[in-house]
Amino acid sequence: MSMANAGRDSAHCIIVSIDRERAYWKNHYAGLPRAHESRGFESYWPLLEQAYLVYLRHPDTSRDQGGELYAESKEARAWRLDRPQAQSLFSRVMDRIHRATTRLEFAA
């Protein structure tokens, strides 16, 4: 086995059902940063969705690096999230992804 293939063989596949995540957050977003300023879940969802996009586009970055990328996103800036708020929201999404993928690993 070549070294190029070694990384691929040990890689994990994570499936994120955005519909399931959207349904989850619809019932759990109220306590997130600036949620009280939203006009309901539909207006807040793009902010959450951006956190998933950062994760999907940069799966190998650390939580801190991902949080920084998220803080610089158009959505986070539009909502005027400061860095701690952006890091907190990104971390909550990562916790959600981790819990979902842990369940999948043990279900197999």
Protein backbone atom coordinates (compact mmCIF):
# COMPACT_ATOMS: atom_id res chain seq x y z
CA MET A 1 0.00 0.00 0.00
CA SER A 2 1.39 3.41 -0.93
CA MET A 3 1.47 6.30 1.50
CA ALA A 4 -1.04 8.15 -0.69
CA ASN A 5 -3.55 5.34 -0.23
CA ALA A 6 -2.83 4.92 3.48
CA GLY A 7 -4.53 8.23 4.31
CA ARG A 8 -7.56 7.38 2.24
CA ASP A 9 -7.98 3.96 3.82
CA SER A 10 -8.09 5.40 7.33
CA ALA A 11 -10.32 8.35 6.46
CA HIS A 12 -13.76 8.58 7.99
CA CYS A 13 -16.87 9.44 6.05
CA ILE A 14 -19.23 11.78 7.84
CA ILE A 15 -22.71 12.27 6.47
CA VAL A 16 -24.55 15.41 7.47
CA SER A 17 -28.27 15.47 6.76
CA ILE A 18 -28.92 19.17 6.44
CA ASP A 19 -32.68 18.57 6.60
CA ARG A 20 -32.29 16.73 9.92
CA GLU A 21 -29.97 19.42 11.25
CA ARG A 22 -32.39 22.16 10.20
CA ALA A 23 -35.25 20.36 12.00
CA TYR A 24 -33.11 19.99 15.13
CA TRP A 25 -32.06 23.63 15.25
CA LYS A 26 -35.59 24.87 14.58
CA ASN A 27 -36.42 23.65 18.08
CA HIS A 28 -33.10 24.56 19.72
CA TYR A 29 -31.87 27.86 18.27
CA ALA A 30 -33.53 30.23 20.74
CA GLY A 31 -30.58 30.26 23.16
CA LEU A 32 -27.92 30.89 20.50
CA PRO A 33 -26.11 34.24 20.09
CA ARG A 34 -28.40 37.01 18.81
CA ALA A 35 -31.30 34.60 18.21
CA HIS A 36 -33.56 36.95 20.17
CA GLU A 37 -32.91 39.57 17.45
CA SER A 38 -34.09 37.31 14.64
CA ARG A 39 -37.47 37.43 12.96
CA GLY A 40 -37.88 33.73 13.60
CA PHE A 41 -36.01 30.62 12.63
CA GLU A 42 -36.16 31.22 8.87
CA SER A 43 -34.16 34.42 9.23
CA TYR A 44 -31.65 32.78 11.62
CA TRP A 45 -31.09 29.56 9.64
CA PRO A 46 -28.54 31.03 7.14
CA LEU A 47 -26.30 31.86 10.09
CA LEU A 48 -26.37 28.25 11.29
CA GLU A 49 -26.09 26.90 7.77
CA GLN A 50 -22.87 28.86 7.28
CA ALA A 51 -21.30 27.04 10.24
CA TYR A 52 -22.05 23.72 8.52
CA LEU A 53 -20.60 25.05 5.26
CA VAL A 54 -17.36 26.05 7.00
CA TYR A 55 -17.09 22.54 8.43
CA LEU A 56 -17.86 20.85 5.10
CA ARG A 57 -15.44 23.06 3.15
CA HIS A 58 -12.63 22.78 5.72
CA PRO A 59 -13.06 19.38 7.40
CA ASP A 60 -9.45 19.12 8.56
CA THR A 61 -9.24 22.45 10.36
CA SER A 62 -9.30 22.64 14.12
CA ARG A 63 -12.34 23.90 15.98
CA ASP A 64 -10.53 27.16 16.71
CA GLN A 65 -9.51 27.66 13.07
CA GLY A 66 -13.02 26.81 11.90
CA GLY A 67 -14.42 29.29 14.38
CA GLU A 68 -12.14 31.97 12.99
CA LEU A 69 -13.24 31.20 9.43
CA TYR A 70 -16.84 31.32 10.58
CA ALA A 71 -16.34 34.64 12.37
CA GLU A 72 -15.07 36.11 9.08
CA SER A 73 -18.05 34.87 7.07
CA LYS A 74 -20.51 37.27 5.48
CA GLU A 75 -23.33 35.84 7.58
CA ALA A 76 -21.54 36.21 10.92
CA ARG A 77 -20.55 39.78 10.08
CA ALA A 78 -24.10 40.63 8.91
CA TRP A 79 -25.41 39.46 12.29
CA ARG A 80 -22.65 41.47 14.02
CA LEU A 81 -21.39 38.46 15.94
CA ASP A 82 -18.24 39.24 17.85
CA ARG A 83 -15.49 36.61 17.83
CA PRO A 84 -16.55 34.94 21.10
CA GLN A 85 -20.16 34.71 19.89
CA ALA A 86 -19.08 33.31 16.52
CA GLN A 87 -16.74 30.80 18.19
CA SER A 88 -19.53 29.75 20.55
CA LEU A 89 -22.06 29.23 17.76
CA PHE A 90 -19.56 27.35 15.60
CA SER A 91 -18.60 25.19 18.57
CA ARG A 92 -22.27 24.33 19.23
CA VAL A 93 -22.66 23.21 15.62
CA MET A 94 -19.46 21.13 15.90
CA ASP A 95 -20.78 19.55 19.11
CA ARG A 96 -23.97 18.66 17.27
CA ILE A 97 -22.04 17.11 14.35
CA HIS A 98 -19.82 15.18 16.77
CA ARG A 99 -22.81 13.77 18.68
CA ALA A 100 -24.53 12.74 15.45
CA THR A 101 -21.43 11.07 14.00
CA THR A 102 -20.62 9.30 17.28
CA ARG A 103 -24.08 7.71 17.20
CA LEU A 104 -23.48 6.58 13.61
CA GLU A 105 -20.14 4.96 14.52
CA PHE A 106 -21.71 2.92 17.31
CA ALA A 107 -24.78 2.04 15.27
CA ALA A 108 -22.72 0.20 12.66
